[in-house]
Protein backbone atom coordinates (compact mmCIF):
# COMPACT_ATOMS: atom_id res chain seq x y z
CA MET A 1 0.00 0.00 0.00
CA LYS A 2 2.82 2.40 0.89
CA ALA A 3 4.62 1.69 -2.40
CA GLU A 4 1.39 2.31 -4.31
CA THR A 5 0.88 5.61 -2.47
CA GLU A 6 4.42 6.72 -3.29
CA THR A 7 3.93 5.78 -6.94
CA LEU A 8 0.74 7.81 -7.19
CA ARG A 9 2.40 10.73 -5.44
CA ALA A 10 5.06 10.67 -8.18
CA HIS A 11 2.33 10.48 -10.85
CA PRO A 12 -0.25 13.13 -9.87
CA TYR A 13 -1.74 13.79 -13.29
CA ARG A 14 -4.58 12.16 -15.15
CA MET A 15 -4.88 12.34 -18.92
CA ARG A 16 -7.28 15.28 -18.63
CA ASP A 17 -4.66 17.15 -16.60
CA LEU A 18 -2.06 16.66 -19.33
CA CYS A 19 -4.57 17.90 -21.89
CA ALA A 20 -5.40 20.98 -19.83
CA ALA A 21 -1.73 21.81 -19.19
CA THR A 22 -0.57 21.44 -22.80
CA GLY A 23 -3.65 22.17 -24.91
CA LEU A 24 -3.28 18.77 -26.61
CA ASP A 25 -6.21 16.40 -26.98
CA ARG A 26 -6.11 12.89 -25.55
CA GLN A 27 -5.95 11.29 -29.01
CA THR A 28 -2.73 13.15 -29.76
CA ILE A 29 -1.16 12.18 -26.43
CA HIS A 30 -2.14 8.53 -26.92
CA PHE A 31 -0.60 8.72 -30.40
CA TYR A 32 2.67 9.98 -28.89
CA ILE A 33 2.65 7.04 -26.49
CA GLN A 34 1.98 4.57 -29.31
CA GLN A 35 4.83 6.06 -31.36
CA GLY A 36 7.31 5.84 -28.48
CA LEU A 37 7.61 9.62 -28.07
CA LEU A 38 6.07 9.54 -24.59
CA PRO A 39 6.42 6.78 -21.96
CA PRO A 40 3.19 5.04 -20.92
CA GLY A 41 1.53 6.18 -17.73
CA HIS A 42 1.30 4.22 -14.48
CA LYS A 43 -1.82 2.09 -14.85
CA THR A 44 -4.12 1.56 -11.89
CA GLY A 45 -6.94 0.02 -13.89
CA ARG A 46 -7.93 -1.05 -17.36
CA ASN A 47 -8.84 2.48 -18.41
CA MET A 48 -7.01 4.51 -15.79
CA ALA A 49 -3.41 5.73 -15.89
CA TRP A 50 -1.50 8.39 -13.99
CA TYR A 51 1.33 10.56 -15.24
CA GLY A 52 4.20 12.48 -13.68
CA GLU A 53 6.22 15.64 -14.21
CA ALA A 54 8.46 13.82 -16.69
CA HIS A 55 5.45 13.21 -18.95
CA LEU A 56 4.45 16.86 -18.80
CA GLU A 57 7.99 18.04 -19.51
CA ARG A 58 8.28 15.64 -22.45
CA LEU A 59 5.01 16.89 -23.97
CA ARG A 60 6.12 20.51 -23.62
CA LEU A 61 9.46 19.66 -25.23
CA ILE A 62 7.69 18.00 -28.17
CA GLN A 63 5.60 21.15 -28.61
CA LYS A 64 8.71 23.34 -28.39
CA LEU A 65 10.57 21.31 -30.99
CA GLN A 66 7.55 21.38 -33.30
CA GLN A 67 6.76 25.07 -32.89
CA GLU A 68 10.23 26.60 -32.63
CA ARG A 69 12.37 24.24 -34.70
CA PHE A 70 9.52 22.90 -36.88
CA LEU A 71 10.75 19.32 -36.49
CA PRO A 72 8.55 16.41 -37.63
CA LEU A 73 7.74 13.73 -35.09
CA LYS A 74 10.18 11.25 -36.64
CA ALA A 75 13.04 13.69 -36.12
CA ILE A 76 11.91 14.42 -32.56
CA LYS A 77 11.78 10.70 -31.79
CA ALA A 78 15.32 10.32 -33.16
CA ILE A 79 16.49 13.11 -30.85
CA PHE A 80 14.89 11.43 -27.84
CA GLU A 81 16.36 8.05 -28.76
CA GLY A 82 19.79 9.59 -29.14
CA ARG A 83 19.55 11.23 -25.71
CA GLU A 84 18.37 8.04 -24.08
CA LYS A 85 21.17 5.99 -25.62
CA GLY A 86 23.59 8.80 -24.92
CA PHE A 87 27.05 9.46 -26.28
CA ALA A 88 30.20 9.22 -24.26
CA PRO A 89 31.93 12.62 -23.94
CA GLU A 90 34.69 11.58 -26.35
CA GLN A 91 32.11 10.39 -28.88
CA ALA A 92 30.17 13.65 -28.67
CA LEU A 93 33.38 15.64 -29.15
CA PHE A 94 34.35 13.47 -32.12
CA LEU A 95 30.94 14.03 -33.74
CA GLU A 96 31.14 17.79 -33.22
CA ARG A 97 34.54 17.90 -34.88
CA VAL A 98 33.35 15.83 -37.84
CA LYS A 99 30.23 18.01 -38.16
CA ALA A 100 32.37 21.18 -38.27
CA ARG A 101 34.29 19.78 -41.25
CA LEU A 102 31.38 18.54 -43.36
CA GLY A 103 30.57 20.45 -46.53
CA SER A 104 27.41 22.47 -47.11
CA GLU A 105 25.58 19.54 -48.73
CA LEU A 106 25.59 17.70 -45.39
CA ALA A 107 24.99 20.72 -43.19
CA PRO A 108 21.95 20.52 -40.87
CA PRO A 109 18.83 21.60 -42.83
CA GLU A 110 17.17 24.93 -42.27
CA ARG A 111 13.91 24.31 -40.41
CA GLU A 112 12.13 27.42 -41.61
CA ALA A 113 8.47 26.95 -42.54
CA THR A 114 8.11 28.95 -45.71
CA GLU A 115 5.63 27.37 -48.12
CA GLU A 116 1.91 27.66 -47.53
CA ALA A 117 0.46 24.16 -47.26
CA GLU A 118 -2.59 24.75 -49.45
CA ALA A 119 -0.49 26.32 -52.19
CA LEU A 120 1.97 23.42 -51.98
CA ILE A 121 -0.60 20.67 -52.46
CA ARG A 122 -2.14 22.62 -55.33
CA ARG A 123 1.27 22.95 -56.98
CA LEU A 124 1.93 19.24 -56.58
CA ALA A 125 -1.66 18.20 -57.43
CA LEU A 126 -1.84 16.19 -54.22
CA PRO A 127 -4.99 15.47 -52.22
CA ALA A 128 -5.18 17.31 -48.90
CA GLU A 129 -5.35 13.90 -47.18
CA ASP A 130 -1.76 13.22 -48.23
CA LEU A 131 -0.48 16.28 -46.42
CA ALA A 132 -2.57 15.55 -43.32
CA GLU A 133 -1.36 11.94 -43.22
CA ALA A 134 2.30 12.93 -43.68
CA VAL A 135 1.99 15.38 -40.78
CA ALA A 136 0.21 12.84 -38.57
CA LEU A 137 2.92 10.26 -39.26
CA GLY A 138 5.58 12.79 -38.33
CA MET A 139 7.21 12.68 -41.76
CA ILE A 140 7.11 16.45 -42.36
CA GLY A 141 7.08 19.50 -40.13
CA THR A 142 4.55 22.32 -40.23
CA GLN A 143 3.85 25.58 -38.45
CA GLU A 144 0.67 27.54 -37.87
CA ARG A 145 0.90 31.30 -38.41
CA ASP A 146 -2.16 33.55 -38.31
CA GLY A 147 -4.44 30.60 -39.00
CA THR A 148 -2.43 29.43 -42.02
CA THR A 149 -0.41 26.21 -42.17
CA TYR A 150 3.12 26.35 -43.57
CA VAL A 151 5.37 23.43 -44.48
CA VAL A 152 9.04 23.34 -43.47
CA ALA A 153 11.11 24.07 -46.57
CA SER A 154 13.55 21.21 -46.05
CA ASP A 155 10.67 18.67 -45.95
CA VAL A 156 9.01 19.71 -49.22
CA TRP A 157 11.10 17.22 -51.22
CA MET A 158 9.24 14.33 -49.58
CA LEU A 159 5.87 15.56 -50.81
CA GLU A 160 7.37 16.22 -54.25
CA LEU A 161 8.42 12.57 -54.46
CA VAL A 162 4.99 11.46 -53.25
CA ALA A 163 3.51 13.52 -56.09
CA GLN A 164 5.72 11.63 -58.55
CA LEU A 165 4.47 8.31 -57.18
CA ARG A 166 0.89 9.54 -57.49
CA ALA A 167 1.55 10.56 -61.11
CA ALA A 168 2.99 7.07 -61.75
CA GLY A 169 -0.38 5.57 -60.79
CA PHE A 170 0.02 4.81 -57.07
CA THR A 171 -3.11 6.74 -56.15
CA ARG A 172 -5.31 6.89 -53.07
CA ALA A 173 -8.16 5.54 -55.20
CA ARG A 174 -6.11 2.35 -55.62
CA GLY A 175 -5.50 2.12 -51.90
CA PHE A 176 -2.01 3.63 -51.65
CA ARG A 177 -1.43 5.80 -48.60
CA ILE A 178 1.46 7.84 -47.22
CA ALA A 179 1.89 5.15 -44.56
CA ASP A 180 2.84 2.76 -47.36
CA VAL A 181 6.16 4.57 -47.82
CA ALA A 182 6.79 5.25 -44.12
CA PHE A 183 8.51 1.90 -43.70
CA TYR A 184 11.24 3.10 -46.07
CA GLU A 185 12.05 5.84 -43.60
CA GLU A 186 12.19 3.36 -40.74
CA ALA A 187 14.46 1.07 -42.78
CA VAL A 188 16.84 3.92 -43.61
CA ARG A 189 16.95 5.00 -39.96
CA ARG A 190 17.96 1.48 -38.95
CA LEU A 191 20.54 1.43 -41.73
CA PHE A 192 21.91 4.79 -40.58
CA GLY A 193 22.24 3.44 -37.04
CA GLU A 194 24.36 0.57 -38.37
CA GLU A 195 26.51 3.04 -40.33
CA MET A 196 27.12 5.20 -37.27
CA GLY A 197 28.04 2.07 -35.34
CA LEU A 198 30.75 1.29 -37.89
CA ILE A 199 32.10 4.83 -37.66
CA PHE A 200 32.26 4.68 -33.86
CA ASP A 201 33.84 1.23 -33.87
CA ARG A 202 36.52 1.90 -36.46
CA LEU A 203 37.11 5.59 -37.13
CA THR A 204 37.26 7.42 -33.80
CA ASP A 205 41.08 7.35 -33.96
CA VAL A 206 41.08 8.87 -37.47
CA PRO A 207 41.39 12.68 -37.73
CA PRO A 208 37.89 14.28 -37.95
CA ASP A 209 38.69 16.14 -41.19
CA GLU A 210 39.63 12.83 -42.82
CA VAL A 211 36.44 11.16 -41.53
CA ALA A 212 34.34 14.04 -42.92
CA GLY A 213 36.01 13.63 -46.31
CA MET A 214 35.45 9.87 -46.25
CA ILE A 215 31.74 10.35 -45.51
CA GLU A 216 31.31 12.90 -48.31
CA LYS A 217 33.00 10.59 -50.82
CA ALA A 218 31.24 7.43 -49.65
CA LEU A 219 27.65 8.72 -49.66
CA PRO A 220 27.22 8.93 -53.47
CA VAL A 221 28.73 5.45 -53.80
CA LEU A 222 26.40 4.03 -51.14
CA HIS A 223 23.38 5.73 -52.71
CA THR A 224 24.24 4.11 -56.04
CA PHE A 225 24.74 0.76 -54.34
CA LEU A 226 21.32 0.94 -52.66
CA ALA A 227 19.56 1.93 -55.88
CA ARG A 228 21.25 -0.85 -57.85
CA PHE A 229 20.66 -3.40 -55.11
CA HIS A 230 16.97 -2.47 -54.99
CA ALA A 231 16.61 -2.77 -58.75
CA GLU A 232 18.39 -6.14 -58.71
CA ARG A 233 15.88 -7.51 -56.23
CA PHE A 234 13.05 -6.64 -58.65
CA ARG A 235 14.95 -8.27 -61.53
CA GLU A 236 15.55 -11.43 -59.51
CA PHE A 237 11.91 -11.61 -58.43
CA PHE A 238 10.40 -11.27 -61.91
CA GLY A 239 13.17 -13.34 -63.45
CA ALA A 240 12.24 -16.26 -61.21
CA LEU A 241 8.57 -16.30 -62.30
């Protein structure tokens, strides 16, 4: 009983309290929990859970990253995962030195929301549902200004590629949704994690300027490899029929 009391004392908020404190609705908060952006609450019943200060702080940080840095949910989740895994001080210093030596093509993207969402989907001839779904999945960042939604400039390319897929015949009428390409993003994130693991395991003793140069030279080669490898899988599949 005492342990239960202490647990509840550390988790004083119900879902409605989180909603009132952040202005978010319960569906959005549940979505964050499902996506791993927010830890689950402490359950005391089938439909009852309690939340603590850490939950409230995490929700406010998500809002801050969305509103001030215009980050999509996928990017925010990656930030949280990186913090939770953590870097040793020497690893963080190594990464900072490599970052300082990377060329402009690999510089962190500008997160300015510049293109009006309605104008963008008209330009790309995309249904409004595509934009809404991409935002809900955390694939692109947006900002509200004076009642108008703007899309982050560095995320526009994703919708432009979706428009090309739509033009190729992969339409919503045929059942294709934005979620159908989301797994590519997850696959690339896992691949990137493996790549960073190799860099940490084998290159931390190499001068940062040399590592930066190696990365810049290797990326085009790896991109070509992935494209060719993907095409080969299609050739093998249809060749075996």
